Amino acid sequence: PDHWRLADGGLEIRVEPGVADTVLNALCRPAPDRNEGAFA
């Protein structure tokens, strides 16, 4: 929580060491159901 903030209409995240499997501060949400069409 010390390495992300909301500021002036944006989300700012500090780039920390790590790779795909160890990334810190990844902001996730459920993806749309791809069986229902194409999404952007």
PDB file of all heavy atoms in Angstrom:
ATOM      1  N   PRO A   1       0.789  -1.236   0.000  1.00  0.00           N
ATOM      2  CA  PRO A   1       0.000   0.000   0.000  1.00  0.00           C
ATOM      3  C   PRO A   1       0.821   1.286   0.000  1.00  0.00           C
ATOM      4  O   PRO A   1       0.309   2.337  -0.378  1.00  0.00           O
ATOM      5  CB  PRO A   1      -0.862  -0.117   1.258  1.00  0.00           C
ATOM      6  CG  PRO A   1      -0.256  -1.178   2.091  1.00  0.00           C
ATOM      7  CD  PRO A   1       0.543  -2.065   1.182  1.00  0.00           C
ATOM      8  N   ASP A   2       2.088   1.218   0.399  1.00  0.00           N
ATOM      9  CA  ASP A   2       2.933   2.412   0.375  1.00  0.00           C
ATOM     10  C   ASP A   2       3.462   2.724  -1.022  1.00  0.00           C
ATOM     11  O   ASP A   2       4.081   3.768  -1.222  1.00  0.00           O
ATOM     12  CB  ASP A   2       4.125   2.240   1.322  1.00  0.00           C
ATOM     13  CG  ASP A   2       3.694   2.181   2.773  1.00  0.00           C
ATOM     14  OD1 ASP A   2       2.637   2.758   3.122  1.00  0.00           O
ATOM     15  OD2 ASP A   2       4.416   1.549   3.569  1.00  0.00           O
ATOM     16  N   HIS A   3       3.244   1.821  -1.974  1.00  0.00           N
ATOM     17  CA  HIS A   3       3.812   1.993  -3.307  1.00  0.00           C
ATOM     18  C   HIS A   3       2.758   2.107  -4.404  1.00  0.00           C
ATOM     19  O   HIS A   3       3.009   1.749  -5.552  1.00  0.00           O
ATOM     20  CB  HIS A   3       4.794   0.855  -3.609  1.00  0.00           C
ATOM     21  CG  HIS A   3       6.035   0.953  -2.774  1.00  0.00           C
ATOM     22  ND1 HIS A   3       7.032   0.017  -2.821  1.00  0.00           N
ATOM     23  CD2 HIS A   3       6.453   1.871  -1.879  1.00  0.00           C
ATOM     24  CE1 HIS A   3       7.994   0.356  -1.984  1.00  0.00           C
ATOM     25  NE2 HIS A   3       7.658   1.474  -1.406  1.00  0.00           N
ATOM     26  N   TRP A   4       1.574   2.605  -4.047  1.00  0.00           N
ATOM     27  CA  TRP A   4       0.591   3.002  -5.042  1.00  0.00           C
ATOM     28  C   TRP A   4      -0.224   4.162  -4.464  1.00  0.00           C
ATOM     29  O   TRP A   4      -0.327   4.323  -3.261  1.00  0.00           O
ATOM     30  CB  TRP A   4      -0.302   1.843  -5.487  1.00  0.00           C
ATOM     31  CG  TRP A   4      -1.330   1.370  -4.492  1.00  0.00           C
ATOM     32  CD1 TRP A   4      -1.165   0.381  -3.569  1.00  0.00           C
ATOM     33  CD2 TRP A   4      -2.659   1.868  -4.329  1.00  0.00           C
ATOM     34  NE1 TRP A   4      -2.306   0.228  -2.833  1.00  0.00           N
ATOM     35  CE2 TRP A   4      -3.258   1.122  -3.281  1.00  0.00           C
ATOM     36  CE3 TRP A   4      -3.414   2.846  -4.952  1.00  0.00           C
ATOM     37  CZ2 TRP A   4      -4.563   1.343  -2.853  1.00  0.00           C
ATOM     38  CZ3 TRP A   4      -4.717   3.070  -4.534  1.00  0.00           C
ATOM     39  CH2 TRP A   4      -5.281   2.319  -3.502  1.00  0.00           C
ATOM     40  N   ARG A   5      -0.751   4.980  -5.386  1.00  0.00           N
ATOM     41  CA  ARG A   5      -1.537   6.140  -4.966  1.00  0.00           C
ATOM     42  C   ARG A   5      -2.457   6.572  -6.106  1.00  0.00           C
ATOM     43  O   ARG A   5      -2.173   6.317  -7.282  1.00  0.00           O
ATOM     44  CB  ARG A   5      -0.607   7.281  -4.563  1.00  0.00           C
ATOM     45  CG  ARG A   5       0.285   7.739  -5.706  1.00  0.00           C
ATOM     46  CD  ARG A   5       1.360   8.702  -5.255  1.00  0.00           C
ATOM     47  NE  ARG A   5       2.229   9.049  -6.379  1.00  0.00           N
ATOM     48  CZ  ARG A   5       3.532   9.183  -6.288  1.00  0.00           C
ATOM     49  NH1 ARG A   5       4.151   9.001  -5.128  1.00  0.00           N
ATOM     50  NH2 ARG A   5       4.250   9.511  -7.340  1.00  0.00           N
ATOM     51  N   LEU A   6      -3.534   7.243  -5.724  1.00  0.00           N
ATOM     52  CA  LEU A   6      -4.407   7.898  -6.691  1.00  0.00           C
ATOM     53  C   LEU A   6      -4.073   9.377  -6.641  1.00  0.00           C
ATOM     54  O   LEU A   6      -4.014   9.963  -5.556  1.00  0.00           O
ATOM     55  CB  LEU A   6      -5.880   7.663  -6.351  1.00  0.00           C
ATOM     56  CG  LEU A   6      -6.338   6.219  -6.472  1.00  0.00           C
ATOM     57  CD1 LEU A   6      -7.700   6.029  -5.836  1.00  0.00           C
ATOM     58  CD2 LEU A   6      -6.369   5.795  -7.929  1.00  0.00           C
ATOM     59  N   ALA A   7      -3.834   9.971  -7.833  1.00  0.00           N
ATOM     60  CA  ALA A   7      -3.440  11.375  -7.866  1.00  0.00           C
ATOM     61  C   ALA A   7      -3.910  12.023  -9.161  1.00  0.00           C
ATOM     62  O   ALA A   7      -3.625  11.512 -10.247  1.00  0.00           O
ATOM     63  CB  ALA A   7      -1.917  11.504  -7.745  1.00  0.00           C
ATOM     64  N   ASP A   8      -4.647  13.114  -9.036  1.00  0.00           N
ATOM     65  CA  ASP A   8      -5.032  13.932 -10.198  1.00  0.00           C
ATOM     66  C   ASP A   8      -5.652  13.104 -11.324  1.00  0.00           C
ATOM     67  O   ASP A   8      -5.275  13.246 -12.486  1.00  0.00           O
ATOM     68  CB  ASP A   8      -3.828  14.719 -10.720  1.00  0.00           C
ATOM     69  CG  ASP A   8      -3.226  15.621  -9.649  1.00  0.00           C
ATOM     70  OD1 ASP A   8      -3.990  16.256  -8.907  1.00  0.00           O
ATOM     71  OD2 ASP A   8      -1.979  15.666  -9.552  1.00  0.00           O
ATOM     72  N   GLY A   9      -6.592  12.233 -10.996  1.00  0.00           N
ATOM     73  CA  GLY A   9      -7.290  11.453 -12.021  1.00  0.00           C
ATOM     74  C   GLY A   9      -6.452  10.345 -12.629  1.00  0.00           C
ATOM     75  O   GLY A   9      -6.643   9.992 -13.795  1.00  0.00           O
ATOM     76  N   GLY A  10      -5.550   9.778 -11.858  1.00  0.00           N
ATOM     77  CA  GLY A  10      -4.741   8.664 -12.353  1.00  0.00           C
ATOM     78  C   GLY A  10      -4.298   7.764 -11.216  1.00  0.00           C
ATOM     79  O   GLY A  10      -4.323   8.156 -10.046  1.00  0.00           O
ATOM     80  N   LEU A  11      -3.929   6.545 -11.555  1.00  0.00           N
ATOM     81  CA  LEU A  11      -3.368   5.586 -10.618  1.00  0.00           C
ATOM     82  C   LEU A  11      -1.870   5.546 -10.854  1.00  0.00           C
ATOM     83  O   LEU A  11      -1.428   5.353 -11.993  1.00  0.00           O
ATOM     84  CB  LEU A  11      -3.966   4.196 -10.840  1.00  0.00           C
ATOM     85  CG  LEU A  11      -3.296   3.041 -10.107  1.00  0.00           C
ATOM     86  CD1 LEU A  11      -3.473   3.168  -8.595  1.00  0.00           C
ATOM     87  CD2 LEU A  11      -3.850   1.714 -10.606  1.00  0.00           C
ATOM     88  N   GLU A  12      -1.091   5.738  -9.796  1.00  0.00           N
ATOM     89  CA  GLU A  12       0.359   5.707  -9.905  1.00  0.00           C
ATOM     90  C   GLU A  12       0.891   4.552  -9.067  1.00  0.00           C
ATOM     91  O   GLU A  12       0.514   4.402  -7.900  1.00  0.00           O
ATOM     92  CB  GLU A  12       0.956   7.038  -9.461  1.00  0.00           C
ATOM     93  CG  GLU A  12       0.475   8.179 -10.354  1.00  0.00           C
ATOM     94  CD  GLU A  12       0.937   9.548  -9.908  1.00  0.00           C
ATOM     95  OE1 GLU A  12       1.449   9.691  -8.773  1.00  0.00           O
ATOM     96  OE2 GLU A  12       0.784  10.495 -10.705  1.00  0.00           O
ATOM     97  N   ILE A  13       1.728   3.719  -9.696  1.00  0.00           N
ATOM     98  CA  ILE A  13       2.298   2.552  -9.033  1.00  0.00           C
ATOM     99  C   ILE A  13       3.817   2.622  -9.160  1.00  0.00           C
ATOM    100  O   ILE A  13       4.345   2.888 -10.237  1.00  0.00           O
ATOM    101  CB  ILE A  13       1.779   1.241  -9.668  1.00  0.00           C
ATOM    102  CG1 ILE A  13       0.253   1.144  -9.567  1.00  0.00           C
ATOM    103  CG2 ILE A  13       2.435   0.032  -8.995  1.00  0.00           C
ATOM    104  CD1 ILE A  13      -0.347  -0.067 -10.274  1.00  0.00           C
ATOM    105  N   ARG A  14       4.492   2.378  -8.051  1.00  0.00           N
ATOM    106  CA  ARG A  14       5.958   2.343  -8.074  1.00  0.00           C
ATOM    107  C   ARG A  14       6.408   1.048  -8.754  1.00  0.00           C
ATOM    108  O   ARG A  14       5.903  -0.031  -8.463  1.00  0.00           O
ATOM    109  CB  ARG A  14       6.524   2.405  -6.662  1.00  0.00           C
ATOM    110  CG  ARG A  14       8.028   2.455  -6.656  1.00  0.00           C
ATOM    111  CD  ARG A  14       8.562   2.683  -5.281  1.00  0.00           C
ATOM    112  NE  ARG A  14      10.007   2.553  -5.298  1.00  0.00           N
ATOM    113  CZ  ARG A  14      10.761   2.701  -4.224  1.00  0.00           C
ATOM    114  NH1 ARG A  14      10.215   3.006  -3.058  1.00  0.00           N
ATOM    115  NH2 ARG A  14      12.064   2.556  -4.311  1.00  0.00           N
ATOM    116  N   VAL A  15       7.363   1.172  -9.675  1.00  0.00           N
ATOM    117  CA  VAL A  15       7.905   0.010 -10.378  1.00  0.00           C
ATOM    118  C   VAL A  15       8.927  -0.647  -9.465  1.00  0.00           C
ATOM    119  O   VAL A  15       9.995  -0.095  -9.228  1.00  0.00           O
ATOM    120  CB  VAL A  15       8.558   0.411 -11.717  1.00  0.00           C
ATOM    121  CG1 VAL A  15       8.906  -0.833 -12.515  1.00  0.00           C
ATOM    122  CG2 VAL A  15       7.664   1.332 -12.522  1.00  0.00           C
ATOM    123  N   GLU A  16       8.582  -1.817  -8.973  1.00  0.00           N
ATOM    124  CA  GLU A  16       9.449  -2.520  -8.043  1.00  0.00           C
ATOM    125  C   GLU A  16      10.118  -3.701  -8.733  1.00  0.00           C
ATOM    126  O   GLU A  16       9.666  -4.154  -9.780  1.00  0.00           O
ATOM    127  CB  GLU A  16       8.632  -3.001  -6.844  1.00  0.00           C
ATOM    128  CG  GLU A  16       8.021  -1.834  -6.073  1.00  0.00           C
ATOM    129  CD  GLU A  16       7.375  -2.245  -4.787  1.00  0.00           C
ATOM    130  OE1 GLU A  16       8.126  -2.574  -3.851  1.00  0.00           O
ATOM    131  OE2 GLU A  16       6.142  -2.244  -4.717  1.00  0.00           O
ATOM    132  N   PRO A  17      11.211  -4.208  -8.132  1.00  0.00           N
ATOM    133  CA  PRO A  17      11.819  -5.415  -8.691  1.00  0.00           C
ATOM    134  C   PRO A  17      10.800  -6.559  -8.685  1.00  0.00           C
ATOM    135  O   PRO A  17       9.878  -6.572  -7.878  1.00  0.00           O
ATOM    136  CB  PRO A  17      12.975  -5.705  -7.727  1.00  0.00           C
ATOM    137  CG  PRO A  17      13.279  -4.384  -7.088  1.00  0.00           C
ATOM    138  CD  PRO A  17      11.948  -3.693  -6.983  1.00  0.00           C
ATOM    139  N   GLY A  18      10.987  -7.491  -9.571  1.00  0.00           N
ATOM    140  CA  GLY A  18      10.098  -8.647  -9.656  1.00  0.00           C
ATOM    141  C   GLY A  18       9.839  -8.982 -11.110  1.00  0.00           C
ATOM    142  O   GLY A  18      10.226  -8.231 -12.016  1.00  0.00           O
ATOM    143  N   VAL A  19       9.199 -10.117 -11.310  1.00  0.00           N
ATOM    144  CA  VAL A  19       8.846 -10.576 -12.655  1.00  0.00           C
ATOM    145  C   VAL A  19       7.373 -10.978 -12.654  1.00  0.00           C
ATOM    146  O   VAL A  19       6.676 -10.794 -11.660  1.00  0.00           O
ATOM    147  CB  VAL A  19       9.761 -11.738 -13.107  1.00  0.00           C
ATOM    148  CG1 VAL A  19      11.202 -11.269 -13.294  1.00  0.00           C
ATOM    149  CG2 VAL A  19       9.703 -12.886 -12.123  1.00  0.00           C
ATOM    150  N   ALA A  20       6.908 -11.557 -13.738  1.00  0.00           N
ATOM    151  CA  ALA A  20       5.491 -11.853 -13.908  1.00  0.00           C
ATOM    152  C   ALA A  20       4.883 -12.635 -12.747  1.00  0.00           C
ATOM    153  O   ALA A  20       3.768 -12.345 -12.314  1.00  0.00           O
ATOM    154  CB  ALA A  20       5.264 -12.602 -15.216  1.00  0.00           C
ATOM    155  N   ASP A  21       5.606 -13.619 -12.222  1.00  0.00           N
ATOM    156  CA  ASP A  21       5.057 -14.461 -11.155  1.00  0.00           C
ATOM    157  C   ASP A  21       5.232 -13.871  -9.754  1.00  0.00           C
ATOM    158  O   ASP A  21       4.687 -14.410  -8.790  1.00  0.00           O
ATOM    159  CB  ASP A  21       5.693 -15.853 -11.191  1.00  0.00           C
ATOM    160  CG  ASP A  21       5.277 -16.642 -12.418  1.00  0.00           C
ATOM    161  OD1 ASP A  21       4.181 -16.389 -12.952  1.00  0.00           O
ATOM    162  OD2 ASP A  21       6.059 -17.500 -12.854  1.00  0.00           O
ATOM    163  N   THR A  22       6.003 -12.771  -9.639  1.00  0.00           N
ATOM    164  CA  THR A  22       6.249 -12.188  -8.322  1.00  0.00           C
ATOM    165  C   THR A  22       5.901 -10.703  -8.270  1.00  0.00           C
ATOM    166  O   THR A  22       6.217 -10.036  -7.286  1.00  0.00           O
ATOM    167  CB  THR A  22       7.728 -12.369  -7.915  1.00  0.00           C
ATOM    168  OG1 THR A  22       8.559 -11.671  -8.853  1.00  0.00           O
ATOM    169  CG2 THR A  22       8.112 -13.836  -7.842  1.00  0.00           C
ATOM    170  N   VAL A  23       5.263 -10.185  -9.309  1.00  0.00           N
ATOM    171  CA  VAL A  23       4.937  -8.766  -9.401  1.00  0.00           C
ATOM    172  C   VAL A  23       4.213  -8.293  -8.139  1.00  0.00           C
ATOM    173  O   VAL A  23       3.382  -9.001  -7.587  1.00  0.00           O
ATOM    174  CB  VAL A  23       4.092  -8.482 -10.674  1.00  0.00           C
ATOM    175  CG1 VAL A  23       2.773  -9.225 -10.640  1.00  0.00           C
ATOM    176  CG2 VAL A  23       3.847  -6.990 -10.839  1.00  0.00           C
ATOM    177  N   LEU A  24       4.581  -7.090  -7.688  1.00  0.00           N
ATOM    178  CA  LEU A  24       3.901  -6.452  -6.572  1.00  0.00           C
ATOM    179  C   LEU A  24       2.923  -5.421  -7.110  1.00  0.00           C
ATOM    180  O   LEU A  24       3.145  -4.823  -8.164  1.00  0.00           O
ATOM    181  CB  LEU A  24       4.912  -5.764  -5.655  1.00  0.00           C
ATOM    182  CG  LEU A  24       5.983  -6.654  -5.040  1.00  0.00           C
ATOM    183  CD1 LEU A  24       6.991  -5.814  -4.260  1.00  0.00           C
ATOM    184  CD2 LEU A  24       5.357  -7.710  -4.144  1.00  0.00           C
ATOM    185  N   ASN A  25       1.852  -5.193  -6.365  1.00  0.00           N
ATOM    186  CA  ASN A  25       0.868  -4.163  -6.712  1.00  0.00           C
ATOM    187  C   ASN A  25       0.285  -4.339  -8.108  1.00  0.00           C
ATOM    188  O   ASN A  25       0.133  -3.377  -8.856  1.00  0.00           O
ATOM    189  CB  ASN A  25       1.453  -2.760  -6.554  1.00  0.00           C
ATOM    190  CG  ASN A  25       1.504  -2.332  -5.106  1.00  0.00           C
ATOM    191  OD1 ASN A  25       0.743  -2.819  -4.273  1.00  0.00           O
ATOM    192  ND2 ASN A  25       2.395  -1.423  -4.794  1.00  0.00           N
ATOM    193  N   ALA A  26      -0.065  -5.562  -8.462  1.00  0.00           N
ATOM    194  CA  ALA A  26      -0.825  -5.802  -9.689  1.00  0.00           C
ATOM    195  C   ALA A  26      -2.292  -5.574  -9.358  1.00  0.00           C
ATOM    196  O   ALA A  26      -2.829  -6.194  -8.444  1.00  0.00           O
ATOM    197  CB  ALA A  26      -0.602  -7.215 -10.199  1.00  0.00           C
ATOM    198  N   LEU A  27      -2.930  -4.668 -10.071  1.00  0.00           N
ATOM    199  CA  LEU A  27      -4.342  -4.364  -9.846  1.00  0.00           C
ATOM    200  C   LEU A  27      -5.164  -5.213 -10.811  1.00  0.00           C
ATOM    201  O   LEU A  27      -5.054  -5.051 -12.027  1.00  0.00           O
ATOM    202  CB  LEU A  27      -4.605  -2.879 -10.052  1.00  0.00           C
ATOM    203  CG  LEU A  27      -5.993  -2.387  -9.679  1.00  0.00           C
ATOM    204  CD1 LEU A  27      -6.312  -2.655  -8.206  1.00  0.00           C
ATOM    205  CD2 LEU A  27      -6.130  -0.907 -10.004  1.00  0.00           C
ATOM    206  N   CYS A  28      -5.956  -6.127 -10.264  1.00  0.00           N
ATOM    207  CA  CYS A  28      -6.668  -7.132 -11.070  1.00  0.00           C
ATOM    208  C   CYS A  28      -8.176  -6.979 -10.949  1.00  0.00           C
ATOM    209  O   CYS A  28      -8.685  -6.493  -9.950  1.00  0.00           O
ATOM    210  CB  CYS A  28      -6.308  -8.543 -10.596  1.00  0.00           C
ATOM    211  SG  CYS A  28      -4.566  -8.942 -10.646  1.00  0.00           S
ATOM    212  N   ARG A  29      -8.850  -7.466 -11.992  1.00  0.00           N
ATOM    213  CA  ARG A  29     -10.305  -7.538 -11.946  1.00  0.00           C
ATOM    214  C   ARG A  29     -10.761  -8.681 -12.838  1.00  0.00           C
ATOM    215  O   ARG A  29     -10.033  -9.082 -13.746  1.00  0.00           O
ATOM    216  CB  ARG A  29     -10.955  -6.234 -12.353  1.00  0.00           C
ATOM    217  CG  ARG A  29     -10.762  -5.794 -13.767  1.00  0.00           C
ATOM    218  CD  ARG A  29     -11.584  -4.549 -14.112  1.00  0.00           C
ATOM    219  NE  ARG A  29     -12.980  -4.717 -13.825  1.00  0.00           N
ATOM    220  CZ  ARG A  29     -13.614  -4.245 -12.736  1.00  0.00           C
ATOM    221  NH1 ARG A  29     -12.979  -3.538 -11.853  1.00  0.00           N
ATOM    222  NH2 ARG A  29     -14.889  -4.467 -12.562  1.00  0.00           N
ATOM    223  N   PRO A  30     -11.963  -9.222 -12.585  1.00  0.00           N
ATOM    224  CA  PRO A  30     -12.468 -10.282 -13.463  1.00  0.00           C
ATOM    225  C   PRO A  30     -12.559  -9.786 -14.900  1.00  0.00           C
ATOM    226  O   PRO A  30     -12.990  -8.658 -15.164  1.00  0.00           O
ATOM    227  CB  PRO A  30     -13.856 -10.585 -12.892  1.00  0.00           C
ATOM    228  CG  PRO A  30     -13.808 -10.105 -11.470  1.00  0.00           C
ATOM    229  CD  PRO A  30     -12.881  -8.922 -11.484  1.00  0.00           C
ATOM    230  N   ALA A  31     -12.144 -10.631 -15.822  1.00  0.00           N
ATOM    231  CA  ALA A  31     -12.210 -10.298 -17.245  1.00  0.00           C
ATOM    232  C   ALA A  31     -13.589 -10.644 -17.771  1.00  0.00           C
ATOM    233  O   ALA A  31     -14.294 -11.481 -17.202  1.00  0.00           O
ATOM    234  CB  ALA A  31     -11.138 -11.068 -18.008  1.00  0.00           C
ATOM    235  N   PRO A  32     -13.985 -10.027 -18.870  1.00  0.00           N
ATOM    236  CA  PRO A  32     -15.266 -10.398 -19.467  1.00  0.00           C
ATOM    237  C   PRO A  32     -15.212 -11.825 -20.005  1.00  0.00           C
ATOM    238  O   PRO A  32     -14.134 -12.349 -20.290  1.00  0.00           O
ATOM    239  CB  PRO A  32     -15.435  -9.378 -20.597  1.00  0.00           C
ATOM    240  CG  PRO A  32     -14.064  -8.880 -20.887  1.00  0.00           C
ATOM    241  CD  PRO A  32     -13.287  -8.991 -19.617  1.00  0.00           C
ATOM    242  N   ASP A  33     -16.374 -12.445 -20.137  1.00  0.00           N
ATOM    243  CA  ASP A  33     -16.470 -13.812 -20.648  1.00  0.00           C
ATOM    244  C   ASP A  33     -16.199 -13.803 -22.152  1.00  0.00           C
ATOM    245  O   ASP A  33     -17.032 -13.359 -22.939  1.00  0.00           O
ATOM    246  CB  ASP A  33     -17.855 -14.384 -20.357  1.00  0.00           C
ATOM    247  CG  ASP A  33     -17.995 -15.835 -20.770  1.00  0.00           C
ATOM    248  OD1 ASP A  33     -17.099 -16.371 -21.470  1.00  0.00           O
ATOM    249  OD2 ASP A  33     -19.025 -16.432 -20.406  1.00  0.00           O
ATOM    250  N   ARG A  34     -15.032 -14.306 -22.539  1.00  0.00           N
ATOM    251  CA  ARG A  34     -14.628 -14.301 -23.956  1.00  0.00           C
ATOM    252  C   ARG A  34     -15.531 -15.150 -24.829  1.00  0.00           C
ATOM    253  O   ARG A  34     -15.539 -14.998 -26.049  1.00  0.00           O
ATOM    254  CB  ARG A  34     -13.186 -14.788 -24.091  1.00  0.00           C
ATOM    255  CG  ARG A  34     -12.189 -13.862 -23.444  1.00  0.00           C
ATOM    256  CD  ARG A  34     -10.770 -14.339 -23.664  1.00  0.00           C
ATOM    257  NE  ARG A  34     -10.396 -15.391 -22.730  1.00  0.00           N
ATOM    258  CZ  ARG A  34      -9.722 -16.476 -23.052  1.00  0.00           C
ATOM    259  NH1 ARG A  34      -9.338 -16.689 -24.293  1.00  0.00           N
ATOM    260  NH2 ARG A  34      -9.400 -17.368 -22.139  1.00  0.00           N
ATOM    261  N   ASN A  35     -16.304 -16.054 -24.244  1.00  0.00           N
ATOM    262  CA  ASN A  35     -17.241 -16.853 -25.035  1.00  0.00           C
ATOM    263  C   ASN A  35     -18.427 -16.023 -25.515  1.00  0.00           C
ATOM    264  O   ASN A  35     -19.193 -16.467 -26.355  1.00  0.00           O
ATOM    265  CB  ASN A  35     -17.744 -18.057 -24.228  1.00  0.00           C
ATOM    266  CG  ASN A  35     -16.657 -19.092 -24.038  1.00  0.00           C
ATOM    267  OD1 ASN A  35     -15.911 -19.399 -24.965  1.00  0.00           O
ATOM    268  ND2 ASN A  35     -16.544 -19.613 -22.826  1.00  0.00           N
ATOM    269  N   GLU A  36     -18.569 -14.803 -24.978  1.00  0.00           N
ATOM    270  CA  GLU A  36     -19.689 -13.933 -25.344  1.00  0.00           C
ATOM    271  C   GLU A  36     -19.321 -12.900 -26.406  1.00  0.00           C
ATOM    272  O   GLU A  36     -20.101 -12.003 -26.678  1.00  0.00           O
ATOM    273  CB  GLU A  36     -20.240 -13.246 -24.098  1.00  0.00           C
ATOM    274  CG  GLU A  36     -20.869 -14.219 -23.121  1.00  0.00           C
ATOM    275  CD  GLU A  36     -21.431 -13.531 -21.893  1.00  0.00           C
ATOM    276  OE1 GLU A  36     -21.460 -12.287 -21.844  1.00  0.00           O
ATOM    277  OE2 GLU A  36     -21.850 -14.257 -20.976  1.00  0.00           O
ATOM    278  N   GLY A  37     -18.134 -12.988 -26.977  1.00  0.00           N
ATOM    279  CA  GLY A  37     -17.762 -12.053 -28.027  1.00  0.00           C
ATOM    280  C   GLY A  37     -16.346 -11.543 -27.891  1.00  0.00           C
ATOM    281  O   GLY A  37     -15.545 -12.063 -27.118  1.00  0.00           O
ATOM    282  N   ALA A  38     -16.062 -10.488 -28.635  1.00  0.00           N
ATOM    283  CA  ALA A  38     -14.743  -9.846 -28.616  1.00  0.00           C
ATOM    284  C   ALA A  38     -14.797  -8.641 -27.686  1.00  0.00           C
ATOM    285  O   ALA A  38     -15.800  -7.909 -27.646  1.00  0.00           O
ATOM    286  CB  ALA A  38     -14.348  -9.417 -30.018  1.00  0.00           C
ATOM    287  N   PHE A  39     -13.697  -8.433 -26.953  1.00  0.00           N
ATOM    288  CA  PHE A  39     -13.625  -7.340 -25.996  1.00  0.00           C
ATOM    289  C   PHE A  39     -12.303  -6.604 -26.153  1.00  0.00           C
ATOM    290  O   PHE A  39     -11.291  -7.197 -26.526  1.00  0.00           O
ATOM    291  CB  PHE A  39     -13.736  -7.887 -24.562  1.00  0.00           C
ATOM    292  CG  PHE A  39     -15.053  -8.511 -24.265  1.00  0.00           C
ATOM    293  CD1 PHE A  39     -15.273  -9.858 -24.530  1.00  0.00           C
ATOM    294  CD2 PHE A  39     -16.093  -7.755 -23.738  1.00  0.00           C
ATOM    295  CE1 PHE A  39     -16.500 -10.438 -24.269  1.00  0.00           C
ATOM    296  CE2 PHE A  39     -17.320  -8.333 -23.469  1.00  0.00           C
ATOM    297  CZ  PHE A  39     -17.533  -9.677 -23.739  1.00  0.00           C
ATOM    298  N   ALA A  40     -12.324  -5.316 -25.830  1.00  0.00           N
ATOM    299  CA  ALA A  40     -11.114  -4.495 -25.827  1.00  0.00           C
ATOM    300  C   ALA A  40     -10.865  -4.012 -24.404  1.00  0.00           C
ATOM    301  O   ALA A  40     -11.790  -3.517 -23.747  1.00  0.00           O
ATOM    302  CB  ALA A  40     -11.261  -3.309 -26.766  1.00  0.00           C
TER     303      ALA A  40
END
